[in-house]
C-alpha atoms as a PDB file:
ATOM      1  CA  MET A   1     -22.037 -12.476 -44.124  1.00  0.00           C
ATOM      2  CA  SER A   2     -20.430 -15.585 -42.699  1.00  0.00           C
ATOM      3  CA  LEU A   3     -22.104 -17.916 -40.222  1.00  0.00           C
ATOM      4  CA  ALA A   4     -19.517 -16.913 -37.589  1.00  0.00           C
ATOM      5  CA  ASP A   5     -20.445 -13.231 -38.032  1.00  0.00           C
ATOM      6  CA  LYS A   6     -24.159 -14.047 -37.782  1.00  0.00           C
ATOM      7  CA  ASN A   7     -23.538 -16.005 -34.583  1.00  0.00           C
ATOM      8  CA  LYS A   8     -21.512 -13.149 -33.096  1.00  0.00           C
ATOM      9  CA  TYR A   9     -24.286 -10.654 -33.852  1.00  0.00           C
ATOM     10  CA  SER A  10     -26.766 -13.008 -32.257  1.00  0.00           C
ATOM     11  CA  GLU A  11     -24.574 -13.278 -29.154  1.00  0.00           C
ATOM     12  CA  VAL A  12     -24.159  -9.497 -28.913  1.00  0.00           C
ATOM     13  CA  SER A  13     -27.914  -9.093 -29.180  1.00  0.00           C
ATOM     14  CA  ASP A  14     -28.443 -11.660 -26.407  1.00  0.00           C
ATOM     15  CA  VAL A  15     -25.868  -9.951 -24.158  1.00  0.00           C
ATOM     16  CA  VAL A  16     -27.491  -6.558 -24.698  1.00  0.00           C
ATOM     17  CA  LEU A  17     -31.007  -7.825 -23.970  1.00  0.00           C
ATOM     18  CA  ASN A  18     -29.909  -9.844 -20.939  1.00  0.00           C
ATOM     19  CA  SER A  19     -27.998  -6.832 -19.622  1.00  0.00           C
ATOM     20  CA  LEU A  20     -31.081  -4.658 -19.955  1.00  0.00           C
ATOM     21  CA  LYS A  21     -33.195  -7.309 -18.214  1.00  0.00           C
ATOM     22  CA  VAL A  22     -30.747  -7.757 -15.313  1.00  0.00           C
ATOM     23  CA  PHE A  23     -30.098  -4.038 -14.853  1.00  0.00           C
ATOM     24  CA  ARG A  24     -33.803  -3.242 -14.926  1.00  0.00           C
ATOM     25  CA  GLY A  25     -34.463  -6.013 -12.369  1.00  0.00           C
ATOM     26  CA  PHE A  26     -31.775  -4.638 -10.086  1.00  0.00           C
ATOM     27  CA  LYS A  27     -33.039  -1.063 -10.401  1.00  0.00           C
ATOM     28  CA  GLN A  28     -36.513  -2.268  -9.392  1.00  0.00           C
ATOM     29  CA  GLU A  29     -35.074  -4.030  -6.327  1.00  0.00           C
ATOM     30  CA  PHE A  30     -33.140  -0.876  -5.438  1.00  0.00           C
ATOM     31  CA  LYS A  31     -36.253   1.269  -5.784  1.00  0.00           C
ATOM     32  CA  ASP A  32     -38.294  -1.160  -3.656  1.00  0.00           C
ATOM     33  CA  TYR A  33     -35.579  -1.214  -0.984  1.00  0.00           C
ATOM     34  CA  LYS A  34     -35.628   2.568  -0.720  1.00  0.00           C
ATOM     35  CA  LYS A  35     -39.349   2.316   0.122  1.00  0.00           C
ATOM     36  CA  THR A  36     -39.441  -0.772   2.351  1.00  0.00           C
ATOM     37  CA  LYS A  37     -35.842  -1.097   3.653  1.00  0.00           C
ATOM     38  CA  LYS A  38     -36.116  -4.835   2.873  1.00  0.00           C
ATOM     39  CA  LEU A  39     -34.692  -7.130   0.221  1.00  0.00           C
ATOM     40  CA  SER A  40     -35.921 -10.591  -0.700  1.00  0.00           C
ATOM     41  CA  PHE A  41     -33.259 -13.307  -0.699  1.00  0.00           C
ATOM     42  CA  SER A  42     -35.135 -15.337  -3.331  1.00  0.00           C
ATOM     43  CA  ARG A  43     -35.440 -12.391  -5.754  1.00  0.00           C
ATOM     44  CA  ILE A  44     -31.804 -11.351  -5.303  1.00  0.00           C
ATOM     45  CA  ASN A  45     -30.778 -14.996  -5.699  1.00  0.00           C
ATOM     46  CA  ARG A  46     -32.647 -15.151  -9.037  1.00  0.00           C
ATOM     47  CA  LEU A  47     -31.013 -11.912 -10.134  1.00  0.00           C
ATOM     48  CA  GLU A  48     -27.602 -13.240  -9.144  1.00  0.00           C
ATOM     49  CA  ARG A  49     -28.162 -16.400 -11.242  1.00  0.00           C
ATOM     50  CA  ASP A  50     -29.079 -14.225 -14.238  1.00  0.00           C
ATOM     51  CA  LEU A  51     -25.957 -12.138 -13.594  1.00  0.00           C
ATOM     52  CA  PHE A  52     -23.841 -15.307 -13.493  1.00  0.00           C
ATOM     53  CA  ASP A  53     -25.108 -16.243 -16.972  1.00  0.00           C
ATOM     54  CA  LEU A  54     -24.539 -12.678 -18.213  1.00  0.00           C
ATOM     55  CA  LYS A  55     -21.004 -12.619 -16.784  1.00  0.00           C
ATOM     56  CA  ASN A  56     -20.162 -15.881 -18.550  1.00  0.00           C
ATOM     57  CA  ALA A  57     -21.632 -14.575 -21.806  1.00  0.00           C
ATOM     58  CA  THR A  58     -19.645 -11.317 -21.663  1.00  0.00           C
ATOM     59  CA  HIS A  59     -16.460 -13.278 -20.846  1.00  0.00           C
ATOM     60  CA  SER A  60     -17.051 -15.611 -23.766  1.00  0.00           C
ATOM     61  CA  LEU A  61     -17.919 -12.871 -26.227  1.00  0.00           C
ATOM     62  CA  PHE A  62     -15.724  -9.948 -25.209  1.00  0.00           C
ATOM     63  CA  ARG A  63     -12.742 -11.240 -23.253  1.00  0.00           C
ATOM     64  CA  VAL A  64      -9.484 -12.007 -25.045  1.00  0.00           C
ATOM     65  CA  ASP A  65      -6.973 -13.815 -22.857  1.00  0.00           C
ATOM     66  CA  GLY A  66      -3.298 -13.023 -23.116  1.00  0.00           C
ATOM     67  CA  ALA A  67      -3.774  -9.774 -25.036  1.00  0.00           C
ATOM     68  CA  LYS A  68      -1.613  -7.449 -22.931  1.00  0.00           C
ATOM     69  CA  GLU A  69      -0.879  -5.164 -25.873  1.00  0.00           C
ATOM     70  CA  LYS A  70      -4.541  -5.044 -26.917  1.00  0.00           C
ATOM     71  CA  GLU A  71      -6.239  -1.656 -26.972  1.00  0.00           C
ATOM     72  CA  ILE A  72      -8.933  -1.239 -24.312  1.00  0.00           C
ATOM     73  CA  GLU A  73     -12.407  -1.248 -25.845  1.00  0.00           C
ATOM     74  CA  GLU A  74     -15.936  -0.575 -24.597  1.00  0.00           C
ATOM     75  CA  THR A  75     -16.513  -4.306 -24.441  1.00  0.00           C
ATOM     76  CA  ASP A  76     -13.532  -4.817 -22.096  1.00  0.00           C
ATOM     77  CA  ILE A  77     -14.810  -2.177 -19.694  1.00  0.00           C
ATOM     78  CA  PHE A  78     -18.357  -3.498 -19.867  1.00  0.00           C
ATOM     79  CA  ASP A  79     -17.164  -7.065 -19.207  1.00  0.00           C
ATOM     80  CA  LEU A  80     -15.210  -5.906 -16.148  1.00  0.00           C
ATOM     81  CA  ILE A  81     -18.165  -3.924 -14.779  1.00  0.00           C
ATOM     82  CA  VAL A  82     -20.541  -6.889 -15.229  1.00  0.00           C
ATOM     83  CA  SER A  83     -18.044  -9.117 -13.385  1.00  0.00           C
ATOM     84  CA  SER A  84     -17.773  -6.560 -10.579  1.00  0.00           C
ATOM     85  CA  ILE A  85     -21.559  -6.340 -10.253  1.00  0.00           C
ATOM     86  CA  PHE A  86     -21.781 -10.138 -10.070  1.00  0.00           C
ATOM     87  CA  HIS A  87     -19.173 -10.423  -7.303  1.00  0.00           C
ATOM     88  CA  GLU A  88     -20.707  -7.567  -5.318  1.00  0.00           C
ATOM     89  CA  MET A  89     -24.104  -9.258  -5.677  1.00  0.00           C
ATOM     90  CA  LEU A  90     -22.668 -12.376  -4.007  1.00  0.00           C
ATOM     91  CA  HIS A  91     -21.735 -10.266  -0.963  1.00  0.00           C
ATOM     92  CA  LEU A  92     -25.149  -8.614  -0.930  1.00  0.00           C
ATOM     93  CA  LYS A  93     -26.855 -11.998  -1.092  1.00  0.00           C
ATOM     94  CA  GLU A  94     -24.809 -13.190   1.891  1.00  0.00           C
ATOM     95  CA  TYR A  95     -25.866 -10.141   3.929  1.00  0.00           C
ATOM     96  CA  ILE A  96     -29.519 -10.740   3.081  1.00  0.00           C
ATOM     97  CA  TYR A  97     -29.224 -14.404   4.052  1.00  0.00           C
ATOM     98  CA  ILE A  98     -27.718 -13.485   7.430  1.00  0.00           C
ATOM     99  CA  ILE A  99     -30.503 -10.987   8.162  1.00  0.00           C
ATOM    100  CA  GLU A 100     -33.368 -13.117   6.799  1.00  0.00           C
ATOM    101  CA  LYS A 101     -32.365 -16.600   7.947  1.00  0.00           C
ATOM    102  CA  TYR A 102     -29.597 -16.396  10.510  1.00  0.00           C
ATOM    103  CA  GLU A 103     -30.644 -13.448  12.666  1.00  0.00           C
ATOM    104  CA  PRO A 104     -34.071 -14.859  13.737  1.00  0.00           C
ATOM    105  CA  ARG A 105     -32.504 -18.172  14.802  1.00  0.00           C
ATOM    106  CA  TYR A 106     -29.686 -16.363  16.542  1.00  0.00           C
ATOM    107  CA  LEU A 107     -32.154 -14.185  18.504  1.00  0.00           C
ATOM    108  CA  VAL A 108     -34.023 -17.274  19.743  1.00  0.00           C
ATOM    109  CA  LEU A 109     -30.758 -18.802  20.924  1.00  0.00           C
ATOM    110  CA  GLU A 110     -29.604 -15.559  22.508  1.00  0.00           C
ATOM    111  CA  ASN A 111     -32.843 -15.317  24.494  1.00  0.00           C
ATOM    112  CA  LYS A 112     -32.549 -18.904  25.714  1.00  0.00           C
ATOM    113  CA  ILE A 113     -28.832 -18.783  26.489  1.00  0.00           C
ATOM    114  CA  GLY A 114     -29.031 -15.239  27.848  1.00  0.00           C
ATOM    115  CA  GLU A 115     -31.403 -16.342  30.628  1.00  0.00           C
ATOM    116  CA  LYS A 116     -28.484 -18.016  32.395  1.00  0.00           C
ATOM    117  CA  LYS A 117     -26.443 -15.831  34.670  1.00  0.00           C
ATOM    118  CA  GLU A 118     -23.097 -17.568  34.092  1.00  0.00           C
ATOM    119  CA  LEU A 119     -22.214 -18.470  30.529  1.00  0.00           C
ATOM    120  CA  GLU A 120     -19.558 -20.895  29.386  1.00  0.00           C
ATOM    121  CA  PRO A 121     -16.783 -19.094  27.465  1.00  0.00           C
ATOM    122  CA  ALA A 122     -17.645 -20.893  24.193  1.00  0.00           C
ATOM    123  CA  LYS A 123     -21.305 -19.808  24.382  1.00  0.00           C
ATOM    124  CA  ARG A 124     -20.356 -16.263  25.330  1.00  0.00           C
ATOM    125  CA  ASP A 125     -17.923 -16.109  22.388  1.00  0.00           C
ATOM    126  CA  PHE A 126     -20.575 -17.503  20.048  1.00  0.00           C
ATOM    127  CA  LEU A 127     -23.072 -14.808  21.093  1.00  0.00           C
ATOM    128  CA  ARG A 128     -20.459 -12.088  20.643  1.00  0.00           C
ATOM    129  CA  HIS A 129     -19.518 -13.425  17.208  1.00  0.00           C
ATOM    130  CA  SER A 130     -23.172 -13.720  16.167  1.00  0.00           C
ATOM    131  CA  ARG A 131     -23.950 -10.149  17.231  1.00  0.00           C
ATOM    132  CA  SER A 132     -20.942  -8.967  15.232  1.00  0.00           C
ATOM    133  CA  THR A 133     -21.973 -10.955  12.121  1.00  0.00           C
ATOM    134  CA  VAL A 134     -25.548  -9.653  12.199  1.00  0.00           C
ATOM    135  CA  GLY A 135     -24.366  -6.108  12.886  1.00  0.00           C
ATOM    136  CA  GLU A 136     -21.952  -6.227   9.956  1.00  0.00           C
ATOM    137  CA  ALA A 137     -24.722  -7.478   7.645  1.00  0.00           C
ATOM    138  CA  LYS A 138     -27.129  -4.744   8.746  1.00  0.00           C
ATOM    139  CA  LEU A 139     -24.529  -2.029   8.220  1.00  0.00           C
ATOM    140  CA  GLY A 140     -23.093  -3.547   5.043  1.00  0.00           C
ATOM    141  CA  MET A 141     -26.287  -4.360   3.164  1.00  0.00           C
ATOM    142  CA  PRO A 142     -27.379  -0.782   2.288  1.00  0.00           C
ATOM    143  CA  LEU A 143     -23.792   0.202   1.432  1.00  0.00           C
ATOM    144  CA  LYS A 144     -23.359  -2.846  -0.809  1.00  0.00           C
ATOM    145  CA  LEU A 145     -26.703  -2.154  -2.473  1.00  0.00           C
ATOM    146  CA  GLN A 146     -25.698   1.457  -3.148  1.00  0.00           C
ATOM    147  CA  GLY A 147     -22.345   0.309  -4.537  1.00  0.00           C
ATOM    148  CA  ILE A 148     -24.033  -2.118  -6.948  1.00  0.00           C
ATOM    149  CA  ASN A 149     -26.434   0.617  -8.024  1.00  0.00           C
ATOM    150  CA  GLU A 150     -23.461   2.849  -8.845  1.00  0.00           C
ATOM    151  CA  LEU A 151     -21.833   0.030 -10.854  1.00  0.00           C
ATOM    152  CA  VAL A 152     -25.053  -0.479 -12.824  1.00  0.00           C
ATOM    153  CA  ASP A 153     -25.100   3.265 -13.516  1.00  0.00           C
ATOM    154  CA  ASP A 154     -21.458   2.983 -14.675  1.00  0.00           C
ATOM    155  CA  ALA A 155     -22.362   0.080 -16.999  1.00  0.00           C
ATOM    156  CA  LEU A 156     -25.250   1.803 -18.789  1.00  0.00           C
ATOM    157  CA  PRO A 157     -23.248   4.302 -20.910  1.00  0.00           C
ATOM    158  CA  HIS A 158     -20.926   1.485 -22.020  1.00  0.00           C
ATOM    159  CA  LEU A 159     -23.910  -0.661 -22.913  1.00  0.00           C
ATOM    160  CA  ILE A 160     -25.328   2.188 -25.022  1.00  0.00           C
ATOM    161  CA  ARG A 161     -21.989   2.507 -26.834  1.00  0.00           C
ATOM    162  CA  ILE A 162     -21.987  -1.248 -27.536  1.00  0.00           C
ATOM    163  CA  ILE A 163     -25.528  -0.940 -28.896  1.00  0.00           C
ATOM    164  CA  LYS A 164     -24.433   1.958 -31.134  1.00  0.00           C
ATOM    165  CA  LEU A 165     -21.422  -0.028 -32.376  1.00  0.00           C
ATOM    166  CA  HIS A 166     -23.863  -2.757 -33.460  1.00  0.00           C
ATOM    167  CA  SER A 167     -26.574  -0.447 -34.775  1.00  0.00           C
ATOM    168  CA  PHE A 168     -26.348  -2.139 -38.176  1.00  0.00           C
ATOM    169  CA  ASP A 169     -27.462  -5.448 -36.605  1.00  0.00           C
ATOM    170  CA  ASN A 170     -31.110  -5.807 -37.635  1.00  0.00           C
ATOM    171  CA  ARG A 171     -31.770  -8.490 -35.020  1.00  0.00           C
ATOM    172  CA  LEU A 172     -30.581  -6.183 -32.231  1.00  0.00           C
ATOM    173  CA  VAL A 173     -32.574  -3.192 -33.559  1.00  0.00           C
ATOM    174  CA  ARG A 174     -35.782  -5.277 -33.697  1.00  0.00           C
ATOM    175  CA  ALA A 175     -35.138  -6.794 -30.259  1.00  0.00           C
ATOM    176  CA  LEU A 176     -34.635  -3.353 -28.718  1.00  0.00           C
ATOM    177  CA  PHE A 177     -37.950  -2.237 -30.166  1.00  0.00           C
ATOM    178  CA  VAL A 178     -39.736  -5.324 -28.766  1.00  0.00           C
ATOM    179  CA  TYR A 179     -38.104  -4.842 -25.344  1.00  0.00           C
ATOM    180  CA  GLY A 180     -38.374  -1.061 -25.424  1.00  0.00           C
ATOM    181  CA  GLU A 181     -39.810  -0.949 -21.895  1.00  0.00           C
ATOM    182  CA  TYR A 182     -36.367  -2.010 -20.578  1.00  0.00           C
ATOM    183  CA  LEU A 183     -34.828   1.026 -22.237  1.00  0.00           C
ATOM    184  CA  GLU A 184     -37.631   3.280 -21.022  1.00  0.00           C
ATOM    185  CA  ALA A 185     -37.089   2.087 -17.438  1.00  0.00           C
ATOM    186  CA  LEU A 186     -33.297   2.460 -17.540  1.00  0.00           C
ATOM    187  CA  PHE A 187     -33.148   5.629 -19.625  1.00  0.00           C
ATOM    188  CA  PRO A 188     -36.191   7.699 -18.636  1.00  0.00           C
ATOM    189  CA  ASP A 189     -34.750  10.781 -20.371  1.00  0.00           C
ATOM    190  CA  GLY A 190     -35.673   9.569 -23.847  1.00  0.00           C
ATOM    191  CA  GLY A 191     -35.401   5.797 -23.774  1.00  0.00           C
ATOM    192  CA  ILE A 192     -35.705   4.043 -27.093  1.00  0.00           C
ATOM    193  CA  LYS A 193     -36.525   7.195 -29.085  1.00  0.00           C
ATOM    194  CA  LYS A 194     -33.266   8.815 -27.991  1.00  0.00           C
ATOM    195  CA  LEU A 195     -31.336   5.661 -28.838  1.00  0.00           C
ATOM    196  CA  TYR A 196     -32.989   5.236 -32.238  1.00  0.00           C
ATOM    197  CA  SER A 197     -32.268   8.839 -33.162  1.00  0.00           C
END
């Protein structure tokens, strides 16, 4: 086996493990949100940074530029889904920031400005715009979160097919065993045993 082939197998293994880590992290955030109706900007920000690295890795490993006649493969679909998740996560992060950081400051200003009977047009417009921005974030955040969850669900079967395509890669097989809890969390209907069979 050539050094280039060994490096590619190593990269595939890294992409698979990082995908499992990111998807599991997102699923945990989604589960927590369903209980608390809150998301943490710092945790989503960390997840988004991991997704950025994963997106770049899938682009580097799977994407072939200028191949219009190329047959669509699992890796192409997976790369596109990972990119979609990343970009949707940016929107989600913005909504969380507005609710966590912007809304409390806006409410203080609204209370202070709202005490005056006559408002200047610029201040009135600012309050209207701020209410609209916060309202959009509050409505959009759960929808965006649900959309990302659906994309992660879409990615999982493609990830399994990529794993199966590389089932001869000893490094990947060992890594999946070591990180079996990721598979158990994402595939509760059999996890690693189902995959190994």
